[in-house]
C-alpha cells in the first residue's frame, strides 16, 4: 500500500513539473527605445524601461525573464529642452515603420529630421531602435536613414530564448541566416527600394516572422497627441460596446458632471462625390475630393477609368447632465459633446486610447499629460497603469508638472529628465536614479532647486 502511494506521489510530481514547463510569459511590453541624431537629440539617448535596484514601490514592477520593468515613465524638463522630441521620435519611427510600403514611392524622401546646429550632423543618419516583447518572444528592430535612403536595418528575435538574426541590412546589401527561408527573404530584398524598409515590405509579401513582429507596432502602441482626434477615436471603437461603456464610466468617475452618454454612428457609402450630404462643409468636400483623386492616382495611372466608393462616417455624441426643472425636479438634459469644455474633450479623447492599452496591453504615449486637466485627473490616469495593472500596459508621458513629483506617485527611476546644452543645442535624456538620491528626499523640491538639472535659467534684468 505504501509503495503504491509513493508511485501516486511520483506521478503527481511529474505532472506538476510538466505543467510548470508549459507556462509562458506573454507580457507585451516596451523594454527600451533608442534614438540618435533626431532634432535636438544629436547623441544617442536611451529610454530604458528596466527598473533600477530600488526598494520603493516594488509592487508596481512588471516581471519578465528574471528582470523587472516599469509600468510608467514621466519625462520632465524645461520648455524647449527637447522632451517632446523623445515622443516625436517614437511617433515618427512608428508611423514610418507601419506605412513605409505605402508612402515611399521611388522619389519620396525618408521623413527624418537630423540635428541641424552644426555643419556635419545633417549629413549623418538618424537612428531608431525598439526592443520589445510580444506574445512571449523578445524582438529588437531598428533602422538608420538619411533623407535619401535607408543606411542600416536589422531585426533580431528570440523565439527559443536565445537571440537570433532574422535579417541584417547595410544600404542595399542584405544578409540572412542560412535556413530554409533564405530564398524567400532574398526575393523580398530584390523588391525593396533604397528608401523603403525591408521590414515593412516583407509584411506585404507575407513573410511570417516579420508579420508577427509588426503586430506589436500596429496593435500595441497608442499615441495621444491631439484632443481633436476624439471623433476619429470614437469611430475607431464604434463596434466595441464595452469600450464605449468604459469611456462613459471614465466620464462619471472623473466628476465631469456627465451622468450618461449616447453615441450614434451613421456609416454611409457613396459611389460619387455628388452623393455626399449637403450639410458637409465646402472645405471638407474639397479635402475628400483631393484625397480620393490622390488615392486613385497612386493605384492606377488612369484615375478617370477607375471605379471606387467613398465611406462617410458620421458620429453624433451626446452627453447628459443633471439639472433642475421649473418644479425643482432633477432631470437629465442633453448637450452636444462639442459644447463640453476643452478639458472634458481632452480627457475623453485620451480615454479611448487609455482603455485600449489597459484592456489589451500596450503602450500609451502622451505629450504633456497635464494639459487642461486637473492634477487629480492626471493622478487618476497614472494610477490606472501604476497599480492593479493585470495586462502589463505601460504609460510614457511628458510633463512640466512638479505636482507629480511632489505627490511621490512614482519611483525615482520612473522620472526621466531632458536637458539641453545652451552652447551646442544638444539635448540629453537621463534618469533621476542616476543621481545619489536619498529614500526620503523630496524629488520635486530637489528638482526645482536644480539638483538634477533640466530647469530653466531665468535671467533677471
Protein backbone atom coordinates (compact mmCIF):
# COMPACT_ATOMS: atom_id res chain seq x y z
CA UNK A 1 0.00 0.00 0.00
CA UNK A 2 2.83 2.37 0.94
CA UNK A 3 4.66 1.52 -2.30
CA UNK A 4 1.50 2.24 -4.32
CA UNK A 5 1.06 5.58 -2.52
CA UNK A 6 4.68 6.54 -3.36
CA UNK A 7 4.05 5.80 -7.05
CA UNK A 8 0.99 8.04 -6.99
CA UNK A 9 3.03 10.84 -5.40
CA UNK A 10 5.74 10.42 -8.06
CA UNK A 11 3.15 10.66 -10.82
CA UNK A 12 1.67 13.78 -9.26
CA UNK A 13 5.12 15.35 -9.03
CA UNK A 14 5.90 14.58 -12.67
CA UNK A 15 2.59 16.06 -13.85
CA UNK A 16 3.20 19.19 -11.80
CA UNK A 17 6.65 19.73 -13.33
CA UNK A 18 5.28 19.31 -16.86
CA UNK A 19 2.59 21.89 -16.09
CA UNK A 20 5.19 24.41 -14.99
CA UNK A 21 7.19 23.96 -18.17
CA UNK A 22 4.34 24.92 -20.48
CA UNK A 23 3.61 28.21 -18.67
CA UNK A 24 4.84 31.09 -20.86
CA UNK A 25 5.34 34.74 -20.04
CA UNK A 26 3.40 36.83 -22.53
CA UNK A 27 3.92 40.40 -21.37
CA UNK A 28 3.62 42.67 -24.39
CA UNK A 29 5.94 45.44 -23.28
CA UNK A 30 8.40 48.03 -24.49
CA UNK A 31 11.78 47.14 -22.99
CA UNK A 32 13.79 50.10 -24.29
CA UNK A 33 13.84 52.72 -27.03
CA UNK A 34 16.93 54.30 -28.60
CA UNK A 35 17.22 57.30 -30.89
CA UNK A 36 20.20 59.19 -32.32
CA UNK A 37 20.58 62.32 -34.44
CA UNK A 38 16.91 63.30 -34.40
CA UNK A 39 16.18 67.02 -33.94
CA UNK A 40 17.94 68.14 -30.73
CA UNK A 41 18.82 64.53 -29.78
CA UNK A 42 22.16 64.54 -31.59
CA UNK A 43 23.83 61.85 -29.48
CA UNK A 44 22.21 58.50 -28.74
CA UNK A 45 19.68 58.57 -25.91
CA UNK A 46 18.04 55.53 -24.33
CA UNK A 47 14.63 55.36 -22.69
CA UNK A 48 15.17 52.22 -20.61
CA UNK A 49 12.04 50.67 -19.11
CA UNK A 50 14.06 48.22 -16.99
CA UNK A 51 13.78 49.05 -13.29
CA UNK A 52 16.81 50.05 -11.23
CA UNK A 53 17.59 48.20 -8.00
CA UNK A 54 15.48 50.42 -5.76
CA UNK A 55 13.39 49.36 -2.79
CA UNK A 56 10.44 51.74 -3.13
CA UNK A 57 7.12 50.92 -4.86
CA UNK A 58 8.34 47.45 -5.87
CA UNK A 59 4.74 46.23 -6.01
CA UNK A 60 4.16 48.13 -9.27
CA UNK A 61 7.01 46.48 -11.21
CA UNK A 62 6.38 44.03 -14.06
CA UNK A 63 8.47 40.87 -14.25
CA UNK A 64 9.89 39.44 -17.46
CA UNK A 65 12.64 36.82 -17.79
CA UNK A 66 14.03 37.46 -14.33
CA UNK A 67 14.12 41.24 -14.78
CA UNK A 68 11.69 43.91 -13.60
CA UNK A 69 10.24 46.65 -15.81
CA UNK A 70 8.48 49.97 -15.24
CA UNK A 71 4.77 50.45 -15.96
CA UNK A 72 5.03 54.26 -16.07
CA UNK A 73 7.73 56.76 -17.07
CA UNK A 74 7.49 60.53 -16.65
CA UNK A 75 9.72 62.73 -18.84
CA UNK A 76 10.27 66.17 -17.31
CA UNK A 77 12.23 69.21 -18.48
CA UNK A 78 12.14 72.88 -19.29
CA UNK A 79 10.40 74.47 -22.27
CA UNK A 80 12.45 73.98 -25.41
CA UNK A 81 14.66 71.41 -23.68
CA UNK A 82 13.76 68.60 -26.09
CA UNK A 83 11.48 66.32 -24.04
CA UNK A 84 8.77 66.37 -26.73
CA UNK A 85 11.42 65.28 -29.24
CA UNK A 86 11.58 61.90 -27.48
CA UNK A 87 7.84 61.45 -28.11
CA UNK A 88 8.15 62.84 -31.66
CA UNK A 89 10.96 60.39 -32.40
CA UNK A 90 8.86 57.43 -31.26
CA UNK A 91 5.83 58.65 -33.21
CA UNK A 92 7.78 59.30 -36.43
CA UNK A 93 9.56 55.95 -36.30
CA UNK A 94 6.33 54.02 -35.65
CA UNK A 95 4.40 55.79 -38.42
CA UNK A 96 7.21 55.18 -40.91
CA UNK A 97 7.52 51.52 -39.91
CA UNK A 98 3.77 50.95 -40.30
CA UNK A 99 3.35 52.87 -43.56
CA UNK A 100 6.69 52.86 -45.43
CA UNK A 101 5.45 50.39 -48.04
CA UNK A 102 2.63 52.82 -48.98
CA UNK A 103 4.28 56.24 -48.62
CA UNK A 104 7.73 55.57 -50.07
CA UNK A 105 7.37 55.83 -53.83
CA UNK A 106 10.57 55.98 -55.88
CA UNK A 107 11.35 59.69 -55.36
CA UNK A 108 9.97 60.11 -51.82
CA UNK A 109 12.32 61.37 -49.12
CA UNK A 110 12.68 59.43 -45.89
CA UNK A 111 10.96 61.70 -43.31
CA UNK A 112 13.83 62.02 -40.82
CA UNK A 113 14.89 65.28 -39.14
CA UNK A 114 18.58 65.22 -38.19
CA UNK A 115 20.29 67.62 -35.80
CA UNK A 116 20.99 70.87 -37.67
CA UNK A 117 23.00 73.06 -35.29
CA UNK A 118 26.40 72.07 -36.66
CA UNK A 119 27.94 71.54 -40.10
CA UNK A 120 28.07 67.73 -40.14
CA UNK A 121 25.14 66.02 -38.35
CA UNK A 122 22.63 66.85 -41.08
CA UNK A 123 24.56 64.56 -43.44
CA UNK A 124 24.67 61.68 -40.94
CA UNK A 125 21.96 59.03 -40.50
CA UNK A 126 19.16 59.27 -37.95
CA UNK A 127 18.72 56.05 -35.98
CA UNK A 128 15.80 54.43 -34.15
CA UNK A 129 15.64 51.12 -32.29
CA UNK A 130 12.88 49.35 -30.33
CA UNK A 131 13.39 46.40 -28.01
CA UNK A 132 10.08 44.84 -27.05
CA UNK A 133 8.32 41.65 -26.09
CA UNK A 134 5.28 40.38 -27.96
CA UNK A 135 3.43 37.09 -27.47
CA UNK A 136 6.26 35.62 -25.41
CA UNK A 137 9.01 36.50 -27.91
CA UNK A 138 11.62 39.22 -27.45
CA UNK A 139 12.33 41.36 -30.53
CA UNK A 140 14.84 44.05 -31.42
CA UNK A 141 14.09 46.12 -34.53
CA UNK A 142 15.89 49.23 -35.69
CA UNK A 143 16.90 51.27 -38.71
CA UNK A 144 19.00 54.30 -39.57
CA UNK A 145 18.39 56.58 -42.53
CA UNK A 146 19.23 59.82 -44.23
CA UNK A 147 16.58 61.67 -46.21
CA UNK A 148 17.78 59.85 -49.33
CA UNK A 149 17.94 56.22 -48.25
CA UNK A 150 17.92 53.54 -45.57
CA UNK A 151 21.52 53.07 -44.39
CA UNK A 152 21.09 50.20 -41.94
CA UNK A 153 18.25 47.96 -40.79
CA UNK A 154 18.01 44.89 -38.58
CA UNK A 155 15.55 42.56 -36.90
CA UNK A 156 16.51 40.08 -34.19
CA UNK A 157 14.23 37.79 -32.24
CA UNK A 158 14.49 35.14 -29.52
CA UNK A 159 11.73 32.55 -30.09
CA UNK A 160 13.72 29.93 -28.17
CA UNK A 161 15.24 32.26 -25.59
CA UNK A 162 18.47 32.98 -27.44
CA UNK A 163 18.68 35.99 -29.78
CA UNK A 164 18.84 35.09 -33.48
CA UNK A 165 19.09 37.17 -36.66
CA UNK A 166 16.04 37.47 -38.91
CA UNK A 167 17.81 39.89 -41.26
CA UNK A 168 20.57 42.50 -41.41
CA UNK A 169 20.92 45.26 -43.97
CA UNK A 170 23.61 47.77 -44.97
CA UNK A 171 22.20 50.02 -47.68
CA UNK A 172 21.11 47.54 -50.39
CA UNK A 173 23.29 44.72 -49.12
CA UNK A 174 21.07 42.23 -47.24
CA UNK A 175 22.26 39.30 -45.16
CA UNK A 176 20.20 36.41 -43.82
CA UNK A 177 20.99 33.39 -41.66
CA UNK A 178 21.30 30.11 -43.51
CA UNK A 179 17.89 28.46 -43.19
CA UNK A 180 15.03 27.22 -45.37
CA UNK A 181 13.55 30.72 -45.67
CA UNK A 182 16.66 32.40 -47.06
CA UNK A 183 15.36 32.28 -50.65
CA UNK A 184 12.10 33.98 -49.67
CA UNK A 185 13.96 36.83 -47.97
CA UNK A 186 16.31 37.22 -50.93
CA UNK A 187 13.25 37.53 -53.20
CA UNK A 188 11.79 40.24 -50.93
CA UNK A 189 15.09 42.14 -50.81
CA UNK A 190 15.11 42.50 -54.60
CA UNK A 191 11.74 44.33 -54.36
CA UNK A 192 12.89 46.75 -51.66
CA UNK A 193 13.87 50.23 -52.92
CA UNK A 194 16.70 52.20 -51.24
CA UNK A 195 14.16 54.48 -49.49
CA UNK A 196 11.94 51.61 -48.26
CA UNK A 197 12.13 49.36 -45.20
CA UNK A 198 12.64 45.63 -45.70
CA UNK A 199 10.56 45.13 -42.54
CA UNK A 200 7.51 46.90 -43.99
CA UNK A 201 7.81 45.41 -47.47
CA UNK A 202 8.21 41.86 -46.17
CA UNK A 203 4.82 42.13 -44.44
CA UNK A 204 3.10 42.92 -47.74
CA UNK A 205 4.82 39.84 -49.19
CA UNK A 206 3.51 37.60 -46.38
CA UNK A 207 6.79 36.82 -44.64
CA UNK A 208 5.51 35.40 -41.34
CA UNK A 209 8.32 36.31 -38.84
CA UNK A 210 8.12 39.98 -39.89
CA UNK A 211 4.31 39.94 -39.82
CA UNK A 212 4.40 38.69 -36.22
CA UNK A 213 6.98 41.30 -35.21
CA UNK A 214 4.99 44.07 -36.94
CA UNK A 215 1.80 43.30 -34.97
CA UNK A 216 3.26 45.00 -31.88
CA UNK A 217 3.71 48.27 -33.80
CA UNK A 218 0.23 48.04 -35.29
CA UNK A 219 -1.77 46.96 -32.23
CA UNK A 220 0.17 47.80 -29.05
CA UNK A 221 1.32 51.42 -29.45
CA UNK A 222 -1.15 54.23 -28.76
CA UNK A 223 -0.29 57.91 -29.20
CA UNK A 224 -2.45 60.60 -27.61
CA UNK A 225 -1.27 63.79 -29.28
CA UNK A 226 -4.30 65.96 -30.04
CA UNK A 227 -7.76 66.16 -28.49
CA UNK A 228 -9.21 66.98 -31.92
CA UNK A 229 -8.86 63.23 -32.62
CA UNK A 230 -11.84 62.44 -30.34
CA UNK A 231 -14.28 61.88 -33.23
CA UNK A 232 -11.87 59.58 -35.07
CA UNK A 233 -11.08 57.66 -31.87
CA UNK A 234 -14.75 57.08 -31.12
CA UNK A 235 -15.39 55.94 -34.69
CA UNK A 236 -12.46 53.50 -34.45
CA UNK A 237 -14.16 51.80 -31.49
CA UNK A 238 -17.77 52.24 -32.63
CA UNK A 239 -18.27 48.46 -32.90
CA UNK A 240 -16.86 47.83 -29.40
CA UNK A 241 -19.74 48.35 -26.95
CA UNK A 242 -17.51 47.52 -23.97
CA UNK A 243 -15.06 50.26 -24.99
CA UNK A 244 -17.85 52.84 -25.27
CA UNK A 245 -19.15 51.79 -21.83
CA UNK A 246 -15.64 52.25 -20.39
CA UNK A 247 -15.47 55.78 -21.83
CA UNK A 248 -18.79 56.66 -20.19
CA UNK A 249 -17.52 55.14 -16.93
CA UNK A 250 -14.41 57.34 -17.02
CA UNK A 251 -16.57 60.42 -17.58
CA UNK A 252 -18.55 59.54 -14.45
CA UNK A 253 -15.51 58.69 -12.31
CA UNK A 254 -13.77 61.92 -13.29
CA UNK A 255 -16.68 64.00 -11.91
CA UNK A 256 -17.17 65.96 -15.14
CA UNK A 257 -20.85 66.46 -14.39
CA UNK A 258 -21.76 63.89 -17.05
CA UNK A 259 -24.37 61.38 -15.90
CA UNK A 260 -24.52 59.40 -19.17
CA UNK A 261 -23.52 59.49 -22.83
CA UNK A 262 -25.12 58.38 -26.07
CA UNK A 263 -23.28 57.61 -29.31
CA UNK A 264 -24.94 57.49 -32.73
CA UNK A 265 -22.77 56.19 -35.57
CA UNK A 266 -24.01 56.62 -39.13
CA UNK A 267 -21.90 54.91 -41.80
CA UNK A 268 -22.80 55.66 -45.42
CA UNK A 269 -21.20 54.59 -48.69
CA UNK A 270 -21.29 56.82 -51.78
CA UNK A 271 -20.19 55.98 -55.30
CA UNK A 272 -19.50 59.61 -56.28
CA UNK A 273 -18.83 62.96 -54.64
CA UNK A 274 -22.23 64.33 -55.70
CA UNK A 275 -23.93 61.91 -53.30
CA UNK A 276 -22.24 63.39 -50.21
CA UNK A 277 -24.67 65.04 -47.74
CA UNK A 278 -25.39 68.71 -48.40
CA UNK A 279 -24.52 69.75 -44.86
CA UNK A 280 -20.85 68.75 -45.23
CA UNK A 281 -18.72 71.94 -45.19
CA UNK A 282 -17.31 73.01 -48.56
CA UNK A 283 -13.68 72.73 -47.32
CA UNK A 284 -14.31 69.15 -46.17
CA UNK A 285 -15.72 68.24 -49.59
CA UNK A 286 -12.61 69.70 -51.24
CA UNK A 287 -10.35 67.67 -48.93
CA UNK A 288 -12.30 64.47 -49.66
CA UNK A 289 -12.15 65.12 -53.41
CA UNK A 290 -8.39 65.78 -53.32
CA UNK A 291 -7.65 62.74 -51.14
CA UNK A 292 -9.75 60.47 -53.37
CA UNK A 293 -8.02 61.69 -56.52
CA UNK A 294 -4.56 61.12 -54.98
CA UNK A 295 -5.55 57.64 -53.82
CA UNK A 296 -6.86 56.62 -57.24
CA UNK A 297 -3.78 58.01 -58.96
CA UNK A 298 -1.49 56.03 -56.65
CA UNK A 299 -3.29 52.82 -57.66
CA UNK A 300 -3.76 53.47 -61.34
CA UNK A 301 -2.23 55.71 -63.97
CA UNK A 302 -5.70 56.40 -65.39
CA UNK A 303 -7.72 57.65 -62.42
CA UNK A 304 -10.77 58.57 -64.52
CA UNK A 305 -11.40 54.98 -65.56
CA UNK A 306 -11.23 53.59 -62.06
CA UNK A 307 -14.33 52.71 -60.04
CA UNK A 308 -14.42 53.39 -56.32
CA UNK A 309 -16.60 54.14 -53.35
CA UNK A 310 -16.50 56.69 -50.55
CA UNK A 311 -17.31 55.68 -46.99
CA UNK A 312 -18.59 58.61 -44.95
CA UNK A 313 -18.68 58.06 -41.19
CA UNK A 314 -20.80 60.39 -39.12
CA UNK A 315 -20.60 60.49 -35.32
CA UNK A 316 -23.10 62.15 -33.03
CA UNK A 317 -22.06 62.10 -29.36
CA UNK A 318 -24.44 63.44 -26.74
CA UNK A 319 -23.63 63.92 -23.07
CA UNK A 320 -26.32 64.13 -20.40
CA UNK A 321 -26.10 66.43 -17.38
CA UNK A 322 -28.41 66.51 -14.39
CA UNK A 323 -30.33 69.77 -13.98
CA UNK A 324 -33.40 71.03 -12.14
CA UNK A 325 -36.63 71.86 -13.95
CA UNK A 326 -39.11 74.64 -13.07
CA UNK A 327 -40.78 72.41 -10.48
CA UNK A 328 -37.43 71.69 -8.76
CA UNK A 329 -37.30 68.12 -10.04
CA UNK A 330 -33.99 66.64 -11.15
CA UNK A 331 -33.84 65.78 -14.84
CA UNK A 332 -31.19 64.84 -17.39
CA UNK A 333 -30.55 67.40 -20.10
CA UNK A 334 -28.63 66.61 -23.33
CA UNK A 335 -25.60 68.53 -24.57
CA UNK A 336 -23.59 68.01 -27.74
CA UNK A 337 -20.08 66.80 -26.94
CA UNK A 338 -18.76 69.83 -28.81
CA UNK A 339 -20.35 72.02 -26.11
CA UNK A 340 -18.24 70.43 -23.38
CA UNK A 341 -15.09 72.12 -22.03
CA UNK A 342 -11.71 71.60 -23.71
CA UNK A 343 -10.54 69.69 -20.64
CA UNK A 344 -13.50 67.30 -20.81
CA UNK A 345 -12.98 66.69 -24.54
CA UNK A 346 -9.25 66.13 -24.00
CA UNK A 347 -9.89 63.55 -21.27
CA UNK A 348 -12.49 61.78 -23.41
CA UNK A 349 -10.07 61.68 -26.35
CA UNK A 350 -7.42 60.09 -24.15
CA UNK A 351 -9.93 57.70 -22.61
CA UNK A 352 -10.26 55.68 -25.83
CA UNK A 353 -6.52 55.04 -26.16
CA UNK A 354 -6.10 54.57 -22.39
CA UNK A 355 -8.80 51.91 -22.27
CA UNK A 356 -7.42 50.19 -25.39
CA UNK A 357 -3.97 49.94 -23.80
CA UNK A 358 -5.24 48.82 -20.38
CA UNK A 359 -7.78 46.36 -21.77
CA UNK A 360 -5.48 44.57 -24.23
CA UNK A 361 -1.99 45.52 -23.04
CA UNK A 362 0.14 48.06 -24.85
CA UNK A 363 1.98 51.36 -24.51
CA UNK A 364 0.14 54.69 -24.23
CA UNK A 365 2.34 57.68 -25.11
CA UNK A 366 1.15 61.20 -24.20
CA UNK A 367 2.82 64.54 -24.80
CA UNK A 368 2.05 66.99 -21.94
CA UNK A 369 -0.25 64.78 -19.90
CA UNK A 370 -1.41 67.62 -17.63
CA UNK A 371 -2.55 69.94 -20.44
CA UNK A 372 -6.00 71.33 -19.41
CA UNK A 373 -6.50 68.56 -16.86
CA UNK A 374 -6.87 68.88 -13.10
CA UNK A 375 -3.94 67.35 -11.13
CA UNK A 376 -6.29 64.74 -9.62
CA UNK A 377 -7.36 63.59 -13.10
CA UNK A 378 -3.69 63.26 -14.07
CA UNK A 379 -3.15 61.20 -10.93
CA UNK A 380 -6.14 59.02 -11.88
CA UNK A 381 -4.64 58.28 -15.33
CA UNK A 382 -1.23 57.45 -13.84
CA UNK A 383 -2.66 55.16 -11.17
CA UNK A 384 -4.61 53.17 -13.78
CA UNK A 385 -1.22 51.99 -15.10
CA UNK A 386 0.84 52.07 -11.90
CA UNK A 387 -1.34 49.76 -9.81
CA UNK A 388 -3.54 46.68 -10.39
CA UNK A 389 -2.30 46.56 -13.97
CA UNK A 390 -3.11 42.97 -14.96
CA UNK A 391 -2.40 43.37 -18.69
CA UNK A 392 1.09 44.88 -18.13
CA UNK A 393 0.12 48.06 -20.00
CA UNK A 394 2.64 50.94 -19.94
CA UNK A 395 2.34 54.73 -19.88
CA UNK A 396 5.01 57.15 -21.12
CA UNK A 397 4.34 60.88 -20.91
CA UNK A 398 6.00 64.29 -20.89
CA UNK A 399 5.09 66.95 -18.35
CA UNK A 400 6.05 70.28 -16.80
CA UNK A 401 4.18 69.40 -13.62
CA UNK A 402 6.13 69.22 -10.37
CA UNK A 403 2.92 68.10 -8.66
CA UNK A 404 3.51 64.53 -9.90
CA UNK A 405 6.94 64.53 -8.24
CA UNK A 406 5.66 66.11 -5.04
CA UNK A 407 2.87 63.55 -4.68
CA UNK A 408 5.52 60.78 -4.80
CA UNK A 409 3.34 58.65 -7.08
CA UNK A 410 6.35 57.13 -8.87
CA UNK A 411 9.71 55.57 -8.10
CA UNK A 412 12.89 57.59 -8.66
CA UNK A 413 13.78 55.52 -11.74
CA UNK A 414 10.38 56.43 -13.25
CA UNK A 415 11.39 60.09 -13.55
CA UNK A 416 13.40 60.89 -16.67
CA UNK A 417 14.73 64.37 -17.43
CA UNK A 418 15.68 66.04 -20.70
CA UNK A 419 18.17 68.91 -20.59
CA UNK A 420 19.57 70.98 -23.45
CA UNK A 421 23.13 72.31 -23.60
CA UNK A 422 22.84 76.08 -24.08
CA UNK A 423 26.02 76.25 -26.15
CA UNK A 424 25.60 73.27 -28.50
CA UNK A 425 21.80 72.91 -28.59
CA UNK A 426 22.13 69.18 -27.85
CA UNK A 427 19.53 67.52 -25.61
CA UNK A 428 20.33 64.60 -23.32
CA UNK A 429 17.97 62.16 -21.60
CA UNK A 430 18.73 60.72 -18.17
CA UNK A 431 17.01 59.26 -15.12
CA UNK A 432 16.77 60.76 -11.64
CA UNK A 433 18.03 57.37 -10.36
CA UNK A 434 21.40 58.18 -12.00
CA UNK A 435 21.92 60.60 -9.10
CA UNK A 436 22.55 59.82 -5.44
CA UNK A 437 19.01 60.31 -4.11
CA UNK A 438 18.08 59.52 -0.51
CA UNK A 439 14.95 57.43 0.03
CA UNK A 440 13.32 60.24 2.00
CA UNK A 441 14.35 63.02 -0.40
CA UNK A 442 11.57 65.13 -1.93
CA UNK A 443 12.31 64.68 -5.64
CA UNK A 444 10.13 67.62 -6.71
CA UNK A 445 11.81 70.06 -4.33
CA UNK A 446 15.31 68.85 -5.27
CA UNK A 447 14.43 69.21 -8.97
CA UNK A 448 13.25 72.82 -8.54
CA UNK A 449 16.47 73.61 -6.65
CA UNK A 450 18.41 72.45 -9.73
CA UNK A 451 19.97 69.30 -8.25
CA UNK A 452 19.20 67.23 -11.35
CA UNK A 453 19.41 69.96 -13.99
CA UNK A 454 16.77 70.37 -16.75
CA UNK A 455 15.30 73.54 -15.18
CA UNK A 456 15.14 76.92 -16.93
CA UNK A 457 17.71 79.55 -16.03
CA UNK A 458 15.78 82.81 -15.81
CA UNK A 459 17.92 85.89 -16.21
CA UNK A 460 16.73 88.82 -14.09
CA UNK A 461 17.12 92.23 -15.69
